[in-house]
Amino acid sequence: MSKSLAKPQRSWPESALEQAVALQRLLAIGDRDWHALKAQRSRRGAEQLAAALVLLLSGDDPGAPQPSPARQEAIALVEHGLSWLRAEVSDPGCPSHRPATAAPPADG
């Protein structure tokens, strides 16, 4: 009896995605809390990191040698979450509360 020398493909643990989605929903800043929580860097970072985890678990094969689109999107969200935690980004505010920008000059 010969055994294959290839390593078995491992997938994500059962219920990992379900638990990650529950965490992401818990950490997501909803419309009602937006103004109160939008400047809390830890909250914003955690929201991004949880979303990255959901993307990774839902669309990436952990055994794949090349990054999937889901893995690449998760990386971008992790980097954005870290930017919040490092105070490298700030919330631009609501578009309805920002001053209007001047219209570009008309060609004449």
Protein backbone atom coordinates (compact mmCIF):
# COMPACT_ATOMS: atom_id res chain seq x y z
CA MET A 1 0.00 0.00 0.00
CA SER A 2 1.60 3.29 -1.09
CA LYS A 3 0.87 6.56 0.58
CA SER A 4 0.83 9.88 -1.19
CA LEU A 5 3.59 12.24 -0.13
CA ALA A 6 1.50 15.31 -0.94
CA LYS A 7 0.30 17.30 2.03
CA PRO A 8 -3.45 17.21 2.52
CA GLN A 9 -5.32 20.40 1.68
CA ARG A 10 -6.73 22.00 4.78
CA SER A 11 -9.68 24.28 4.69
CA TRP A 12 -10.83 26.79 7.26
CA PRO A 13 -12.18 25.32 10.51
CA GLU A 14 -15.85 24.51 10.54
CA SER A 15 -17.98 27.43 11.76
CA ALA A 16 -15.05 29.90 11.42
CA LEU A 17 -16.86 31.91 8.76
CA GLU A 18 -20.09 31.95 10.75
CA GLN A 19 -18.26 33.24 13.82
CA ALA A 20 -16.31 35.82 11.81
CA VAL A 21 -19.54 37.14 10.27
CA ALA A 22 -21.08 37.41 13.73
CA LEU A 23 -18.03 39.36 14.96
CA GLN A 24 -18.07 41.63 11.91
CA ARG A 25 -21.76 42.41 12.45
CA LEU A 26 -21.10 43.14 16.11
CA LEU A 27 -18.22 45.52 15.33
CA ALA A 28 -19.77 47.25 12.30
CA ILE A 29 -20.66 50.86 12.96
CA GLY A 30 -24.27 51.34 11.92
CA ASP A 31 -26.08 54.45 10.73
CA ARG A 32 -27.42 55.26 14.18
CA ASP A 33 -23.99 55.15 15.83
CA TRP A 34 -21.96 56.62 12.98
CA HIS A 35 -21.61 60.18 14.28
CA ALA A 36 -20.82 59.07 17.82
CA LEU A 37 -18.24 56.43 16.86
CA LYS A 38 -16.70 57.54 13.56
CA ALA A 39 -13.67 59.15 15.21
CA GLN A 40 -12.85 56.19 17.48
CA ARG A 41 -9.76 54.82 15.79
CA SER A 42 -9.83 51.46 17.58
CA ARG A 43 -13.47 50.93 16.59
CA ARG A 44 -12.78 51.83 12.98
CA GLY A 45 -9.69 49.62 12.88
CA ALA A 46 -11.52 46.67 14.44
CA GLU A 47 -14.37 47.09 11.97
CA GLN A 48 -11.92 46.88 9.05
CA LEU A 49 -10.01 43.92 10.50
CA ALA A 50 -13.20 41.95 11.09
CA ALA A 51 -14.35 42.64 7.53
CA ALA A 52 -10.96 41.44 6.25
CA LEU A 53 -11.36 38.20 8.18
CA VAL A 54 -14.80 37.59 6.66
CA LEU A 55 -13.43 38.17 3.15
CA LEU A 56 -10.52 35.83 3.76
CA LEU A 57 -12.62 33.03 5.21
CA SER A 58 -15.35 33.31 2.60
CA GLY A 59 -13.28 33.56 -0.55
CA ASP A 60 -9.77 32.24 -0.08
CA ASP A 61 -8.29 28.75 -0.20
CA PRO A 62 -5.69 28.63 2.58
CA GLY A 63 -3.71 26.01 0.67
CA ALA A 64 -3.46 28.00 -2.55
CA PRO A 65 0.08 29.11 -3.37
CA GLN A 66 -1.07 32.31 -5.08
CA PRO A 67 -3.21 34.97 -3.40
CA SER A 68 -6.84 34.96 -4.46
CA PRO A 69 -8.76 38.18 -5.14
CA ALA A 70 -10.41 37.69 -1.73
CA ARG A 71 -7.00 37.43 -0.06
CA GLN A 72 -5.82 40.58 -1.83
CA GLU A 73 -8.96 42.47 -0.75
CA ALA A 74 -8.46 41.20 2.81
CA ILE A 75 -4.88 42.48 2.77
CA ALA A 76 -6.11 45.92 1.67
CA LEU A 77 -8.65 45.98 4.50
CA VAL A 78 -6.02 44.93 7.05
CA GLU A 79 -3.74 47.71 5.85
CA HIS A 80 -6.60 50.21 6.07
CA GLY A 81 -7.46 48.96 9.57
CA LEU A 82 -3.83 49.39 10.62
CA SER A 83 -3.89 52.91 9.21
CA TRP A 84 -6.80 53.69 11.54
CA LEU A 85 -4.98 52.22 14.51
CA ARG A 86 -1.80 54.15 13.69
CA ALA A 87 -3.77 57.41 13.27
CA GLU A 88 -2.64 57.69 9.66
CA VAL A 89 -6.19 58.31 8.35
CA SER A 90 -9.11 60.33 9.58
CA ASP A 91 -12.78 60.35 8.76
CA PRO A 92 -13.52 63.01 6.14
CA GLY A 93 -16.97 63.61 7.62
CA CYS A 94 -20.38 63.50 6.03
CA PRO A 95 -20.61 64.88 2.50
CA SER A 96 -23.71 66.84 3.53
CA HIS A 97 -21.74 68.62 6.29
CA ARG A 98 -18.66 69.49 4.24
CA PRO A 99 -18.38 72.94 2.65
CA ALA A 100 -19.18 72.98 -1.05
CA THR A 101 -16.17 73.22 -3.32
CA ALA A 102 -15.96 75.93 -5.91
CA ALA A 103 -17.08 75.00 -9.39
CA PRO A 104 -14.27 74.63 -11.92
CA PRO A 105 -13.81 77.67 -14.17
CA ALA A 106 -15.73 77.53 -17.44
CA ASP A 107 -13.69 77.43 -20.62
CA GLY A 108 -14.44 80.49 -22.59
